[in-house]
Amino acid sequence: MNASSKLTPEALIARYFPAAQAAGTVSTVQGLSGGSIRIACGDRIYAARRSLPQAPPGVSLARQYRALKQRLPGTGPTPRLLAGGWLVTDWLHGRPCAEAVNINDLAALLRHLHAQRRFGWRISLPSLLTFYWQAAAPERRSRFWLSMLKRLHQQGEPAALKLAPLHMDVHGDNLIQTPDGLRLIDWEYAGDGDIALELAATGMGEALTQAYAERTRYSAAALARQVRRWQPWVQALMASWYEWRWQQTRQRQFIQLADDAWRRLRFMEYER
């Protein structure tokens, strides 16, 4: 889709949700990625997400739509529309978990997700890390970052314990406690990958790994070892993503988050 075919929020609502336009029931949804709005139209409420500018490799609204259209039962919202540079889904009624995530409920949700049919496209961390390096502010590209990038490329990704559909952006704000149970929103980074990569990416440590292992055929020790193999990749991915968002937005919070992530990665390297 070329830039000229992308709709502004006002044009999207005027074309597809005129009732919401007339009632004035549209609001912005806060989040690190930005670009989302909430649309109330009669007794229906929708979430609309805008396509990312200069999207990373493998990330697109079309793939997110396909992932949700696959209708992974009991995991996320129902998609309604893909048009004009926007993805519209049903709004999940409930509350974001923020920091208060029930580990057992999350382990059950991830186990259920990972048991579903694969999406059909792989998550490639080397490609993502290279993209974020190239898209970052030149003055932020440190020697440590470059050496880490080279080492991870040479090392290669860990061999997967099990390939499965992953969400890859599991955190409190994307976890919604609904009347029907825990659900996930914001599937833009979803793809097929190692189940231990998903666990590592949550940053929730041994408690989640243990709870997940209790629901699978994997021993907690074996799963924990695999999670540790992914941790440098995940930490580098987080730091690189924050750098990319700083270059895009110039919002100071992303510099602070990136600096914190680099410090944690340096500490991990020191302990190796």
Protein backbone atom coordinates (compact mmCIF):
# COMPACT_ATOMS: atom_id res chain seq x y z
CA MET A 1 0.00 0.00 0.00
CA ASN A 2 1.55 3.33 -0.99
CA ALA A 3 1.59 6.39 1.23
CA SER A 4 -1.15 8.16 -0.72
CA SER A 5 -3.61 5.33 0.01
CA LYS A 6 -3.20 5.63 3.77
CA LEU A 7 -6.08 7.27 5.56
CA THR A 8 -5.90 9.82 8.32
CA PRO A 9 -7.80 8.88 11.49
CA GLU A 10 -10.54 11.34 10.47
CA ALA A 11 -10.80 9.84 6.98
CA LEU A 12 -10.91 6.28 8.35
CA ILE A 13 -13.77 7.16 10.68
CA ALA A 14 -15.65 9.18 8.06
CA ARG A 15 -15.45 6.32 5.54
CA TYR A 16 -16.07 3.29 7.74
CA PHE A 17 -17.55 4.59 10.99
CA PRO A 18 -19.70 7.64 10.20
CA ALA A 19 -21.88 7.01 13.26
CA ALA A 20 -18.84 7.36 15.51
CA GLN A 21 -17.87 10.55 13.69
CA ALA A 22 -21.30 12.05 14.30
CA ALA A 23 -21.32 11.10 17.98
CA GLY A 24 -17.75 12.23 18.61
CA THR A 25 -16.83 9.01 20.40
CA VAL A 26 -13.22 8.58 19.29
CA SER A 27 -10.22 8.64 21.61
CA THR A 28 -6.48 8.00 21.47
CA VAL A 29 -5.05 4.85 23.04
CA GLN A 30 -1.78 5.35 24.91
CA GLY A 31 1.16 3.04 24.24
CA LEU A 32 4.87 2.97 23.39
CA SER A 33 4.22 2.25 19.70
CA GLY A 34 1.54 4.94 19.35
CA GLY A 35 -0.92 5.31 16.49
CA SER A 36 -3.96 3.57 18.01
CA ILE A 37 -7.48 4.89 18.52
CA ARG A 38 -10.65 3.65 20.21
CA ILE A 39 -13.89 3.97 18.24
CA ALA A 40 -17.32 3.68 19.87
CA CYS A 41 -20.02 3.09 17.28
CA GLY A 42 -23.47 2.44 18.72
CA ASP A 43 -23.17 -0.50 21.08
CA ARG A 44 -19.94 -1.71 19.43
CA ILE A 45 -16.42 -0.59 20.35
CA TYR A 46 -13.40 -1.08 18.12
CA ALA A 47 -9.64 -0.62 18.36
CA ALA A 48 -7.90 0.79 15.28
CA ARG A 49 -4.14 0.52 14.85
CA ARG A 50 -2.19 2.50 12.26
CA SER A 51 0.61 0.89 10.23
CA LEU A 52 4.09 1.63 11.57
CA PRO A 53 6.26 4.12 9.68
CA GLN A 54 9.37 2.37 8.32
CA ALA A 55 8.17 -0.95 9.72
CA PRO A 56 10.77 -3.56 10.75
CA PRO A 57 11.21 -6.66 8.55
CA GLY A 58 8.39 -9.14 8.96
CA VAL A 59 6.12 -6.61 10.68
CA SER A 60 2.96 -5.50 8.89
CA LEU A 61 -0.74 -4.96 9.50
CA ALA A 62 -1.47 -7.57 6.85
CA ARG A 63 0.39 -10.23 8.84
CA GLN A 64 -1.23 -9.09 12.06
CA TYR A 65 -4.62 -9.35 10.36
CA ARG A 66 -3.79 -12.84 9.10
CA ALA A 67 -2.65 -13.91 12.57
CA LEU A 68 -5.88 -12.72 14.16
CA LYS A 69 -7.99 -14.00 11.27
CA GLN A 70 -6.55 -17.42 11.95
CA ARG A 71 -8.77 -17.06 15.02
CA LEU A 72 -6.48 -18.45 17.63
CA PRO A 73 -9.25 -19.41 20.06
CA GLY A 74 -9.22 -17.60 23.37
CA THR A 75 -6.08 -15.56 22.76
CA GLY A 76 -6.90 -12.19 21.19
CA PRO A 77 -9.48 -9.87 19.60
CA THR A 78 -11.48 -10.54 16.44
CA PRO A 79 -10.26 -8.57 13.38
CA ARG A 80 -12.90 -6.58 11.49
CA LEU A 81 -11.20 -4.44 8.86
CA LEU A 82 -7.86 -4.01 7.09
CA ALA A 83 -7.93 -0.88 4.95
CA GLY A 84 -6.22 2.44 4.35
CA GLY A 85 -3.19 1.66 6.49
CA TRP A 86 -5.32 0.64 9.47
CA LEU A 87 -6.26 -2.61 11.22
CA VAL A 88 -9.56 -2.53 13.10
CA THR A 89 -10.42 -5.18 15.68
CA ASP A 90 -13.07 -5.61 18.32
CA TRP A 91 -12.25 -3.84 21.54
CA LEU A 92 -11.43 -6.28 24.34
CA HIS A 93 -13.47 -5.29 27.38
CA GLY A 94 -11.48 -5.63 30.56
CA ARG A 95 -8.52 -4.10 32.32
CA PRO A 96 -4.84 -4.09 31.37
CA CYS A 97 -2.81 -6.13 33.81
CA ALA A 98 -0.04 -3.51 34.04
CA GLU A 99 2.40 -4.94 36.58
CA ALA A 100 -0.13 -7.24 38.28
CA VAL A 101 0.09 -10.25 35.94
CA ASN A 102 -1.11 -13.59 37.27
CA ILE A 103 1.76 -15.90 36.37
CA ASN A 104 -0.34 -19.06 36.30
CA ASP A 105 -2.96 -17.48 34.04
CA LEU A 106 -0.25 -16.18 31.71
CA ALA A 107 1.48 -19.57 31.56
CA ALA A 108 -1.83 -21.20 30.64
CA LEU A 109 -2.49 -18.56 27.94
CA LEU A 110 0.96 -18.97 26.38
CA ARG A 111 0.72 -22.75 26.52
CA HIS A 112 -2.62 -22.51 24.71
CA LEU A 113 -1.22 -20.12 22.09
CA HIS A 114 1.85 -22.26 21.46
CA ALA A 115 -0.32 -25.34 20.89
CA GLN A 116 -2.06 -23.72 17.89
CA ARG A 117 -1.24 -24.03 14.19
CA ARG A 118 1.79 -21.98 13.09
CA PHE A 119 1.28 -18.67 11.32
CA GLY A 120 3.53 -19.54 8.38
CA TRP A 121 6.29 -16.93 8.78
CA ARG A 122 9.38 -17.04 11.01
CA ILE A 123 10.57 -14.39 13.41
CA SER A 124 14.17 -13.50 12.50
CA LEU A 125 16.01 -11.72 15.31
CA PRO A 126 19.20 -11.17 13.22
CA SER A 127 17.13 -9.31 10.61
CA LEU A 128 15.38 -7.22 13.26
CA LEU A 129 18.64 -6.35 15.03
CA THR A 130 20.26 -5.30 11.76
CA PHE A 131 17.25 -3.15 10.85
CA TYR A 132 17.28 -1.34 14.22
CA TRP A 133 21.04 -0.71 13.97
CA GLN A 134 20.67 0.80 10.51
CA ALA A 135 17.61 2.87 11.47
CA ALA A 136 19.08 4.22 14.72
CA ALA A 137 20.47 7.71 15.24
CA PRO A 138 24.12 7.59 14.03
CA GLU A 139 25.41 9.20 17.22
CA ARG A 140 23.82 6.39 19.25
CA ARG A 141 25.62 3.56 17.44
CA SER A 142 28.23 2.53 20.01
CA ARG A 143 31.16 0.14 19.70
CA PHE A 144 29.54 -2.10 22.28
CA TRP A 145 26.34 -2.25 20.22
CA LEU A 146 28.27 -3.11 17.05
CA SER A 147 30.37 -5.77 18.75
CA MET A 148 27.25 -7.31 20.28
CA LEU A 149 25.51 -7.31 16.90
CA LYS A 150 28.48 -9.00 15.22
CA ARG A 151 28.80 -11.61 17.97
CA LEU A 152 25.13 -12.57 17.84
CA HIS A 153 25.22 -12.83 14.05
CA GLN A 154 28.29 -15.08 14.20
CA GLN A 155 26.80 -17.17 16.99
CA GLY A 156 23.43 -17.66 15.32
CA GLU A 157 20.08 -18.13 16.99
CA PRO A 158 19.71 -21.04 19.44
CA ALA A 159 18.20 -24.19 17.96
CA ALA A 160 14.51 -24.21 18.83
CA LEU A 161 13.02 -26.52 21.43
CA LYS A 162 9.69 -26.18 19.65
CA LEU A 163 8.50 -23.90 16.84
CA ALA A 164 5.10 -22.38 17.59
CA PRO A 165 3.07 -19.22 16.97
CA LEU A 166 4.43 -16.47 19.24
CA HIS A 167 2.98 -13.10 20.23
CA MET A 168 6.41 -11.57 21.00
CA ASP A 169 5.16 -8.46 22.80
CA VAL A 170 3.82 -9.90 26.04
CA HIS A 171 3.74 -7.34 28.84
CA GLY A 172 1.18 -5.96 31.27
CA ASP A 173 -0.28 -3.32 28.98
CA ASN A 174 -0.89 -5.90 26.24
CA LEU A 175 -2.49 -8.40 28.63
CA ILE A 176 -6.17 -7.74 29.17
CA GLN A 177 -8.12 -9.43 31.93
CA THR A 178 -11.55 -9.96 30.35
CA PRO A 179 -14.68 -11.63 31.73
CA ASP A 180 -13.70 -14.66 29.62
CA GLY A 181 -10.12 -14.79 30.87
CA LEU A 182 -6.72 -13.36 29.97
CA ARG A 183 -6.28 -12.13 26.39
CA LEU A 184 -3.52 -10.49 24.32
CA ILE A 185 -3.69 -7.36 22.16
CA ASP A 186 -1.16 -5.76 19.78
CA TRP A 187 -0.07 -8.71 17.64
CA GLU A 188 2.14 -6.71 15.25
CA TYR A 189 5.34 -8.64 16.10
CA ALA A 190 3.71 -12.09 16.03
CA GLY A 191 5.31 -14.92 14.08
CA ASP A 192 6.64 -18.44 14.41
CA GLY A 193 9.55 -19.02 16.76
CA ASP A 194 10.90 -20.96 19.70
CA ILE A 195 8.61 -21.20 22.71
CA ALA A 196 11.58 -20.33 24.96
CA LEU A 197 12.08 -17.09 23.02
CA GLU A 198 8.57 -16.03 24.01
CA LEU A 199 9.26 -16.82 27.67
CA ALA A 200 12.55 -14.91 27.57
CA ALA A 201 10.90 -11.91 25.88
CA THR A 202 8.35 -11.51 28.66
CA GLY A 203 11.12 -10.73 31.16
CA MET A 204 9.13 -12.46 33.90
CA GLY A 205 11.87 -14.83 34.96
CA GLU A 206 11.89 -18.24 36.58
CA ALA A 207 8.37 -18.08 37.98
CA LEU A 208 6.82 -18.02 34.50
CA THR A 209 9.23 -20.64 33.18
CA GLN A 210 8.34 -22.96 36.06
CA ALA A 211 4.59 -22.41 35.64
CA TYR A 212 4.88 -23.01 31.88
CA ALA A 213 6.94 -26.18 32.35
CA GLU A 214 4.28 -27.60 34.66
CA ARG A 215 1.83 -27.39 31.74
CA THR A 216 4.12 -29.00 29.12
CA ARG A 217 6.34 -32.03 28.61
CA TYR A 218 9.51 -29.94 29.19
CA SER A 219 11.43 -30.05 32.45
CA ALA A 220 11.76 -26.70 34.20
CA ALA A 221 15.57 -27.03 34.16
CA ALA A 222 15.75 -27.70 30.40
CA LEU A 223 13.33 -24.88 29.64
CA ALA A 224 15.25 -22.47 31.90
CA ARG A 225 18.52 -23.29 30.10
CA GLN A 226 16.92 -22.53 26.75
CA VAL A 227 15.43 -19.28 28.06
CA ARG A 228 18.91 -18.21 29.22
CA ARG A 229 20.29 -18.85 25.72
CA TRP A 230 17.76 -16.38 24.34
CA GLN A 231 18.23 -13.68 26.97
CA PRO A 232 21.13 -11.81 25.28
CA TRP A 233 19.14 -11.75 22.04
CA VAL A 234 16.05 -10.43 23.78
CA GLN A 235 17.95 -7.78 25.73
CA ALA A 236 19.71 -6.59 22.55
CA LEU A 237 16.35 -6.52 20.77
CA MET A 238 14.77 -4.40 23.50
CA ALA A 239 17.63 -1.92 23.58
CA SER A 240 17.66 -1.67 19.77
CA TRP A 241 13.89 -1.15 19.62
CA TYR A 242 14.10 1.72 22.09
CA GLU A 243 16.88 3.28 19.98
CA TRP A 244 14.70 3.02 16.89
CA ARG A 245 11.76 4.63 18.68
CA TRP A 246 14.04 7.46 19.88
CA GLN A 247 15.12 8.12 16.30
CA GLN A 248 11.48 8.16 15.20
CA THR A 249 9.95 10.24 17.99
CA ARG A 250 12.76 12.08 19.83
CA GLN A 251 10.86 11.34 23.05
CA ARG A 252 13.32 11.31 25.94
CA GLN A 253 11.72 8.27 27.58
CA PHE A 254 13.14 6.05 24.84
CA ILE A 255 16.71 7.23 25.47
CA GLN A 256 16.29 6.40 29.16
CA LEU A 257 14.82 2.98 28.39
CA ALA A 258 17.59 2.24 25.88
CA ASP A 259 20.32 3.26 28.33
CA ASP A 260 18.80 1.01 31.01
CA ALA A 261 18.61 -1.91 28.54
CA TRP A 262 22.25 -1.45 27.45
CA ARG A 263 23.38 -1.42 31.10
CA ARG A 264 21.58 -4.71 31.73
CA LEU A 265 23.14 -6.20 28.61
CA ARG A 266 26.64 -5.08 29.68
CA PHE A 267 26.04 -6.71 33.06
CA MET A 268 24.93 -9.93 31.36
CA GLU A 269 28.11 -9.88 29.26
CA TYR A 270 30.22 -9.27 32.37
CA GLU A 271 28.69 -12.34 34.03
CA ARG A 272 29.33 -14.60 31.04
